PDB file of all heavy atoms in Angstrom:
ATOM      1  N   ILE A   1       6.863 -23.514 -60.220  1.00  0.00           N
ATOM      2  CA  ILE A   1       8.267 -23.097 -60.194  1.00  0.00           C
ATOM      3  C   ILE A   1       8.374 -21.616 -60.541  1.00  0.00           C
ATOM      4  O   ILE A   1       9.087 -20.848 -59.878  1.00  0.00           O
ATOM      5  CB  ILE A   1       9.102 -23.948 -61.164  1.00  0.00           C
ATOM      6  CG1 ILE A   1       9.170 -25.406 -60.686  1.00  0.00           C
ATOM      7  CG2 ILE A   1      10.513 -23.377 -61.318  1.00  0.00           C
ATOM      8  CD1 ILE A   1       9.818 -26.345 -61.664  1.00  0.00           C
ATOM      9  N   ILE A   2       7.636 -21.186 -61.572  1.00  0.00           N
ATOM     10  CA  ILE A   2       7.697 -19.789 -61.975  1.00  0.00           C
ATOM     11  C   ILE A   2       7.043 -18.894 -60.926  1.00  0.00           C
ATOM     12  O   ILE A   2       7.509 -17.781 -60.658  1.00  0.00           O
ATOM     13  CB  ILE A   2       7.041 -19.605 -63.366  1.00  0.00           C
ATOM     14  CG1 ILE A   2       7.775 -20.455 -64.405  1.00  0.00           C
ATOM     15  CG2 ILE A   2       7.058 -18.143 -63.788  1.00  0.00           C
ATOM     16  CD1 ILE A   2       7.159 -20.424 -65.775  1.00  0.00           C
ATOM     17  N   ALA A   3       5.956 -19.396 -60.293  1.00  0.00           N
ATOM     18  CA  ALA A   3       5.299 -18.625 -59.230  1.00  0.00           C
ATOM     19  C   ALA A   3       6.226 -18.470 -58.024  1.00  0.00           C
ATOM     20  O   ALA A   3       6.302 -17.394 -57.414  1.00  0.00           O
ATOM     21  CB  ALA A   3       3.998 -19.305 -58.827  1.00  0.00           C
ATOM     22  N   LEU A   4       6.940 -19.556 -57.669  1.00  0.00           N
ATOM     23  CA  LEU A   4       7.904 -19.470 -56.563  1.00  0.00           C
ATOM     24  C   LEU A   4       9.061 -18.532 -56.907  1.00  0.00           C
ATOM     25  O   LEU A   4       9.598 -17.838 -56.027  1.00  0.00           O
ATOM     26  CB  LEU A   4       8.426 -20.873 -56.225  1.00  0.00           C
ATOM     27  CG  LEU A   4       7.437 -21.791 -55.516  1.00  0.00           C
ATOM     28  CD1 LEU A   4       7.898 -23.243 -55.606  1.00  0.00           C
ATOM     29  CD2 LEU A   4       7.268 -21.378 -54.069  1.00  0.00           C
ATOM     30  N   SER A   5       9.429 -18.531 -58.175  1.00  0.00           N
ATOM     31  CA  SER A   5      10.454 -17.592 -58.622  1.00  0.00           C
ATOM     32  C   SER A   5       9.964 -16.147 -58.449  1.00  0.00           C
ATOM     33  O   SER A   5      10.738 -15.283 -58.024  1.00  0.00           O
ATOM     34  CB  SER A   5      10.778 -17.877 -60.087  1.00  0.00           C
ATOM     35  OG  SER A   5      11.412 -16.787 -60.687  1.00  0.00           O
ATOM     36  N   THR A   6       8.695 -15.904 -58.755  1.00  0.00           N
ATOM     37  CA  THR A   6       8.123 -14.562 -58.538  1.00  0.00           C
ATOM     38  C   THR A   6       8.163 -14.199 -57.072  1.00  0.00           C
ATOM     39  O   THR A   6       8.489 -13.063 -56.697  1.00  0.00           O
ATOM     40  CB  THR A   6       6.672 -14.517 -59.057  1.00  0.00           C
ATOM     41  OG1 THR A   6       6.643 -14.965 -60.414  1.00  0.00           O
ATOM     42  CG2 THR A   6       6.106 -13.122 -58.977  1.00  0.00           C
ATOM     43  N   LEU A   7       7.817 -15.162 -56.207  1.00  0.00           N
ATOM     44  CA  LEU A   7       7.853 -14.926 -54.757  1.00  0.00           C
ATOM     45  C   LEU A   7       9.269 -14.566 -54.302  1.00  0.00           C
ATOM     46  O   LEU A   7       9.463 -13.685 -53.474  1.00  0.00           O
ATOM     47  CB  LEU A   7       7.356 -16.177 -54.028  1.00  0.00           C
ATOM     48  CG  LEU A   7       7.264 -16.112 -52.507  1.00  0.00           C
ATOM     49  CD1 LEU A   7       6.267 -15.034 -52.081  1.00  0.00           C
ATOM     50  CD2 LEU A   7       6.842 -17.454 -51.936  1.00  0.00           C
ATOM     51  N   SER A   8      10.251 -15.258 -54.872  1.00  0.00           N
ATOM     52  CA  SER A   8      11.644 -14.977 -54.541  1.00  0.00           C
ATOM     53  C   SER A   8      12.029 -13.546 -54.930  1.00  0.00           C
ATOM     54  O   SER A   8      12.685 -12.832 -54.169  1.00  0.00           O
ATOM     55  CB  SER A   8      12.534 -15.988 -55.249  1.00  0.00           C
ATOM     56  OG  SER A   8      13.886 -15.680 -55.057  1.00  0.00           O
ATOM     57  N   GLN A   9      11.603 -13.136 -56.114  1.00  0.00           N
ATOM     58  CA  GLN A   9      11.939 -11.780 -56.569  1.00  0.00           C
ATOM     59  C   GLN A   9      11.195 -10.700 -55.794  1.00  0.00           C
ATOM     60  O   GLN A   9      11.697  -9.604 -55.580  1.00  0.00           O
ATOM     61  CB  GLN A   9      11.663 -11.648 -58.077  1.00  0.00           C
ATOM     62  CG  GLN A   9      12.488 -12.569 -58.947  1.00  0.00           C
ATOM     63  CD  GLN A   9      13.955 -12.500 -58.621  1.00  0.00           C
ATOM     64  OE1 GLN A   9      14.576 -11.451 -58.667  1.00  0.00           O
ATOM     65  NE2 GLN A   9      14.554 -13.648 -58.278  1.00  0.00           N
ATOM     66  N   LEU A  10       9.966 -11.034 -55.340  1.00  0.00           N
ATOM     67  CA  LEU A  10       9.240 -10.093 -54.463  1.00  0.00           C
ATOM     68  C   LEU A  10      10.012  -9.941 -53.144  1.00  0.00           C
ATOM     69  O   LEU A  10      10.072  -8.828 -52.588  1.00  0.00           O
ATOM     70  CB  LEU A  10       7.831 -10.607 -54.190  1.00  0.00           C
ATOM     71  CG  LEU A  10       6.837 -10.455 -55.332  1.00  0.00           C
ATOM     72  CD1 LEU A  10       5.543 -11.171 -55.008  1.00  0.00           C
ATOM     73  CD2 LEU A  10       6.541  -8.987 -55.606  1.00  0.00           C
ATOM     74  N   GLY A  11      10.587 -11.046 -52.668  1.00  0.00           N
ATOM     75  CA  GLY A  11      11.445 -10.960 -51.479  1.00  0.00           C
ATOM     76  C   GLY A  11      12.637 -10.048 -51.722  1.00  0.00           C
ATOM     77  O   GLY A  11      13.054  -9.290 -50.849  1.00  0.00           O
ATOM     78  N   MET A  12      13.178 -10.130 -52.951  1.00  0.00           N
ATOM     79  CA  MET A  12      14.308  -9.278 -53.324  1.00  0.00           C
ATOM     80  C   MET A  12      13.903  -7.804 -53.276  1.00  0.00           C
ATOM     81  O   MET A  12      14.663  -6.949 -52.805  1.00  0.00           O
ATOM     82  CB  MET A  12      14.776  -9.651 -54.722  1.00  0.00           C
ATOM     83  CG  MET A  12      16.070  -9.006 -55.150  1.00  0.00           C
ATOM     84  SD  MET A  12      17.471  -9.891 -54.445  1.00  0.00           S
ATOM     85  CE  MET A  12      18.845  -9.081 -55.238  1.00  0.00           C
ATOM     86  N   MET A  13      12.704  -7.486 -53.765  1.00  0.00           N
ATOM     87  CA  MET A  13      12.220  -6.097 -53.742  1.00  0.00           C
ATOM     88  C   MET A  13      12.013  -5.622 -52.319  1.00  0.00           C
ATOM     89  O   MET A  13      12.363  -4.488 -51.961  1.00  0.00           O
ATOM     90  CB  MET A  13      10.925  -5.992 -54.541  1.00  0.00           C
ATOM     91  CG  MET A  13      11.062  -6.256 -56.034  1.00  0.00           C
ATOM     92  SD  MET A  13       9.454  -6.415 -56.809  1.00  0.00           S
ATOM     93  CE  MET A  13       9.810  -7.517 -58.158  1.00  0.00           C
ATOM     94  N   MET A  14      11.417  -6.481 -51.475  1.00  0.00           N
ATOM     95  CA  MET A  14      11.212  -6.115 -50.073  1.00  0.00           C
ATOM     96  C   MET A  14      12.563  -5.943 -49.345  1.00  0.00           C
ATOM     97  O   MET A  14      12.715  -5.083 -48.477  1.00  0.00           O
ATOM     98  CB  MET A  14      10.385  -7.182 -49.359  1.00  0.00           C
ATOM     99  CG  MET A  14       8.945  -7.281 -49.820  1.00  0.00           C
ATOM    100  SD  MET A  14       8.022  -5.762 -49.563  1.00  0.00           S
ATOM    101  CE  MET A  14       7.798  -5.207 -51.238  1.00  0.00           C
ATOM    102  N   PHE A  15      13.528  -6.767 -49.719  1.00  0.00           N
ATOM    103  CA  PHE A  15      14.890  -6.636 -49.165  1.00  0.00           C
ATOM    104  C   PHE A  15      15.467  -5.269 -49.522  1.00  0.00           C
ATOM    105  O   PHE A  15      16.065  -4.587 -48.666  1.00  0.00           O
ATOM    106  CB  PHE A  15      15.752  -7.765 -49.729  1.00  0.00           C
ATOM    107  CG  PHE A  15      17.199  -7.693 -49.335  1.00  0.00           C
ATOM    108  CD1 PHE A  15      17.599  -7.949 -48.026  1.00  0.00           C
ATOM    109  CD2 PHE A  15      18.169  -7.387 -50.279  1.00  0.00           C
ATOM    110  CE1 PHE A  15      18.937  -7.874 -47.666  1.00  0.00           C
ATOM    111  CE2 PHE A  15      19.501  -7.319 -49.933  1.00  0.00           C
ATOM    112  CZ  PHE A  15      19.890  -7.561 -48.614  1.00  0.00           C
ATOM    113  N   SER A  16      15.248  -4.855 -50.762  1.00  0.00           N
ATOM    114  CA  SER A  16      15.723  -3.538 -51.193  1.00  0.00           C
ATOM    115  C   SER A  16      15.028  -2.421 -50.427  1.00  0.00           C
ATOM    116  O   SER A  16      15.677  -1.451 -49.999  1.00  0.00           O
ATOM    117  CB  SER A  16      15.485  -3.392 -52.698  1.00  0.00           C
ATOM    118  OG  SER A  16      15.909  -2.129 -53.158  1.00  0.00           O
ATOM    119  N   ILE A  17      13.722  -2.576 -50.220  1.00  0.00           N
ATOM    120  CA  ILE A  17      12.969  -1.559 -49.479  1.00  0.00           C
ATOM    121  C   ILE A  17      13.435  -1.497 -48.024  1.00  0.00           C
ATOM    122  O   ILE A  17      13.550  -0.414 -47.427  1.00  0.00           O
ATOM    123  CB  ILE A  17      11.457  -1.859 -49.549  1.00  0.00           C
ATOM    124  CG1 ILE A  17      10.942  -1.577 -50.968  1.00  0.00           C
ATOM    125  CG2 ILE A  17      10.662  -1.018 -48.543  1.00  0.00           C
ATOM    126  CD1 ILE A  17       9.507  -1.988 -51.201  1.00  0.00           C
ATOM    127  N   SER A  18      13.746  -2.676 -47.435  1.00  0.00           N
ATOM    128  CA  SER A  18      14.186  -2.689 -46.032  1.00  0.00           C
ATOM    129  C   SER A  18      15.514  -1.963 -45.845  1.00  0.00           C
ATOM    130  O   SER A  18      15.816  -1.497 -44.756  1.00  0.00           O
ATOM    131  CB  SER A  18      14.311  -4.139 -45.546  1.00  0.00           C
ATOM    132  OG  SER A  18      15.412  -4.790 -46.147  1.00  0.00           O
ATOM    133  N   LEU A  19      16.297  -1.855 -46.917  1.00  0.00           N
ATOM    134  CA  LEU A  19      17.559  -1.111 -46.867  1.00  0.00           C
ATOM    135  C   LEU A  19      17.374   0.363 -47.227  1.00  0.00           C
ATOM    136  O   LEU A  19      18.356   1.114 -47.260  1.00  0.00           O
ATOM    137  CB  LEU A  19      18.583  -1.745 -47.797  1.00  0.00           C
ATOM    138  CG  LEU A  19      18.999  -3.189 -47.508  1.00  0.00           C
ATOM    139  CD1 LEU A  19      19.949  -3.707 -48.563  1.00  0.00           C
ATOM    140  CD2 LEU A  19      19.631  -3.293 -46.122  1.00  0.00           C
ATOM    141  N   GLY A  20      16.134   0.749 -47.533  1.00  0.00           N
ATOM    142  CA  GLY A  20      15.857   2.131 -47.903  1.00  0.00           C
ATOM    143  C   GLY A  20      16.087   2.444 -49.363  1.00  0.00           C
ATOM    144  O   GLY A  20      16.092   3.606 -49.772  1.00  0.00           O
ATOM    145  N   LEU A  21      16.266   1.386 -50.189  1.00  0.00           N
ATOM    146  CA  LEU A  21      16.521   1.586 -51.626  1.00  0.00           C
ATOM    147  C   LEU A  21      15.211   1.478 -52.411  1.00  0.00           C
ATOM    148  O   LEU A  21      14.974   0.534 -53.163  1.00  0.00           O
ATOM    149  CB  LEU A  21      17.534   0.533 -52.109  1.00  0.00           C
ATOM    150  CG  LEU A  21      18.838   0.451 -51.319  1.00  0.00           C
ATOM    151  CD1 LEU A  21      19.662  -0.747 -51.746  1.00  0.00           C
ATOM    152  CD2 LEU A  21      19.645   1.744 -51.486  1.00  0.00           C
ATOM    153  N   TYR A  22      14.348   2.473 -52.238  1.00  0.00           N
ATOM    154  CA  TYR A  22      13.004   2.394 -52.819  1.00  0.00           C
ATOM    155  C   TYR A  22      13.029   2.481 -54.329  1.00  0.00           C
ATOM    156  O   TYR A  22      12.300   1.772 -55.035  1.00  0.00           O
ATOM    157  CB  TYR A  22      12.140   3.528 -52.244  1.00  0.00           C
ATOM    158  CG  TYR A  22      12.145   3.612 -50.729  1.00  0.00           C
ATOM    159  CD1 TYR A  22      12.787   4.661 -50.079  1.00  0.00           C
ATOM    160  CD2 TYR A  22      11.535   2.615 -49.966  1.00  0.00           C
ATOM    161  CE1 TYR A  22      12.821   4.729 -48.692  1.00  0.00           C
ATOM    162  CE2 TYR A  22      11.559   2.671 -48.583  1.00  0.00           C
ATOM    163  CZ  TYR A  22      12.204   3.721 -47.959  1.00  0.00           C
ATOM    164  OH  TYR A  22      12.248   3.770 -46.581  1.00  0.00           O
ATOM    165  N   GLU A  23      13.887   3.359 -54.871  1.00  0.00           N
ATOM    166  CA  GLU A  23      13.946   3.501 -56.332  1.00  0.00           C
ATOM    167  C   GLU A  23      14.451   2.218 -56.985  1.00  0.00           C
ATOM    168  O   GLU A  23      13.972   1.823 -58.047  1.00  0.00           O
ATOM    169  CB  GLU A  23      14.879   4.666 -56.708  1.00  0.00           C
ATOM    170  CG  GLU A  23      14.392   6.036 -56.273  1.00  0.00           C
ATOM    171  CD  GLU A  23      14.879   6.376 -54.860  1.00  0.00           C
ATOM    172  OE1 GLU A  23      15.502   5.494 -54.226  1.00  0.00           O
ATOM    173  OE2 GLU A  23      14.618   7.497 -54.403  1.00  0.00           O
ATOM    174  N   LEU A  24      15.419   1.568 -56.330  1.00  0.00           N
ATOM    175  CA  LEU A  24      15.936   0.319 -56.880  1.00  0.00           C
ATOM    176  C   LEU A  24      14.888  -0.793 -56.850  1.00  0.00           C
ATOM    177  O   LEU A  24      14.815  -1.616 -57.759  1.00  0.00           O
ATOM    178  CB  LEU A  24      17.174  -0.130 -56.092  1.00  0.00           C
ATOM    179  CG  LEU A  24      18.517   0.413 -56.562  1.00  0.00           C
ATOM    180  CD1 LEU A  24      19.630  -0.166 -55.734  1.00  0.00           C
ATOM    181  CD2 LEU A  24      18.733   0.095 -58.028  1.00  0.00           C
ATOM    182  N   ALA A  25      14.067  -0.814 -55.787  1.00  0.00           N
ATOM    183  CA  ALA A  25      12.997  -1.807 -55.701  1.00  0.00           C
ATOM    184  C   ALA A  25      12.010  -1.613 -56.846  1.00  0.00           C
ATOM    185  O   ALA A  25      11.565  -2.578 -57.474  1.00  0.00           O
ATOM    186  CB  ALA A  25      12.277  -1.705 -54.353  1.00  0.00           C
ATOM    187  N   PHE A  26      11.682  -0.370 -57.157  1.00  0.00           N
ATOM    188  CA  PHE A  26      10.754  -0.086 -58.262  1.00  0.00           C
ATOM    189  C   PHE A  26      11.412  -0.427 -59.609  1.00  0.00           C
ATOM    190  O   PHE A  26      10.752  -0.992 -60.493  1.00  0.00           O
ATOM    191  CB  PHE A  26      10.367   1.394 -58.243  1.00  0.00           C
ATOM    192  CG  PHE A  26       9.395   1.782 -59.324  1.00  0.00           C
ATOM    193  CD1 PHE A  26       8.115   1.257 -59.330  1.00  0.00           C
ATOM    194  CD2 PHE A  26       9.769   2.654 -60.320  1.00  0.00           C
ATOM    195  CE1 PHE A  26       7.210   1.607 -60.330  1.00  0.00           C
ATOM    196  CE2 PHE A  26       8.881   3.002 -61.322  1.00  0.00           C
ATOM    197  CZ  PHE A  26       7.584   2.482 -61.330  1.00  0.00           C
ATOM    198  N   PHE A  27      12.687  -0.144 -59.730  1.00  0.00           N
ATOM    199  CA  PHE A  27      13.428  -0.495 -60.948  1.00  0.00           C
ATOM    200  C   PHE A  27      13.416  -2.010 -61.163  1.00  0.00           C
ATOM    201  O   PHE A  27      13.169  -2.496 -62.266  1.00  0.00           O
ATOM    202  CB  PHE A  27      14.863   0.043 -60.815  1.00  0.00           C
ATOM    203  CG  PHE A  27      15.769  -0.285 -61.970  1.00  0.00           C
ATOM    204  CD1 PHE A  27      15.276  -0.370 -63.267  1.00  0.00           C
ATOM    205  CD2 PHE A  27      17.132  -0.484 -61.759  1.00  0.00           C
ATOM    206  CE1 PHE A  27      16.124  -0.672 -64.327  1.00  0.00           C
ATOM    207  CE2 PHE A  27      17.968  -0.790 -62.812  1.00  0.00           C
ATOM    208  CZ  PHE A  27      17.470  -0.875 -64.091  1.00  0.00           C
ATOM    209  N   HIS A  28      13.647  -2.767 -60.092  1.00  0.00           N
ATOM    210  CA  HIS A  28      13.618  -4.238 -60.202  1.00  0.00           C
ATOM    211  C   HIS A  28      12.209  -4.735 -60.506  1.00  0.00           C
ATOM    212  O   HIS A  28      12.032  -5.714 -61.221  1.00  0.00           O
ATOM    213  CB  HIS A  28      14.149  -4.869 -58.916  1.00  0.00           C
ATOM    214  CG  HIS A  28      14.370  -6.343 -59.027  1.00  0.00           C
ATOM    215  ND1 HIS A  28      15.150  -6.921 -60.018  1.00  0.00           N
ATOM    216  CD2 HIS A  28      13.907  -7.395 -58.291  1.00  0.00           C
ATOM    217  CE1 HIS A  28      15.147  -8.242 -59.884  1.00  0.00           C
ATOM    218  NE2 HIS A  28      14.403  -8.546 -58.854  1.00  0.00           N
ATOM    219  N   LEU A  29      11.211  -4.051 -59.967  1.00  0.00           N
ATOM    220  CA  LEU A  29       9.810  -4.412 -60.270  1.00  0.00           C
ATOM    221  C   LEU A  29       9.534  -4.301 -61.754  1.00  0.00           C
ATOM    222  O   LEU A  29       8.901  -5.181 -62.357  1.00  0.00           O
ATOM    223  CB  LEU A  29       8.878  -3.501 -59.476  1.00  0.00           C
ATOM    224  CG  LEU A  29       7.366  -3.614 -59.771  1.00  0.00           C
ATOM    225  CD1 LEU A  29       6.842  -4.932 -59.232  1.00  0.00           C
ATOM    226  CD2 LEU A  29       6.613  -2.464 -59.154  1.00  0.00           C
TER     227      LEU A  29
END
């Protein structure tokens, strides 16, 4: 469950990168 949660948040970071929000993706990391 926690590993899948990590996968979900990695998706969130990639979503941020796809919008060009690189600094926000790093902040969320």
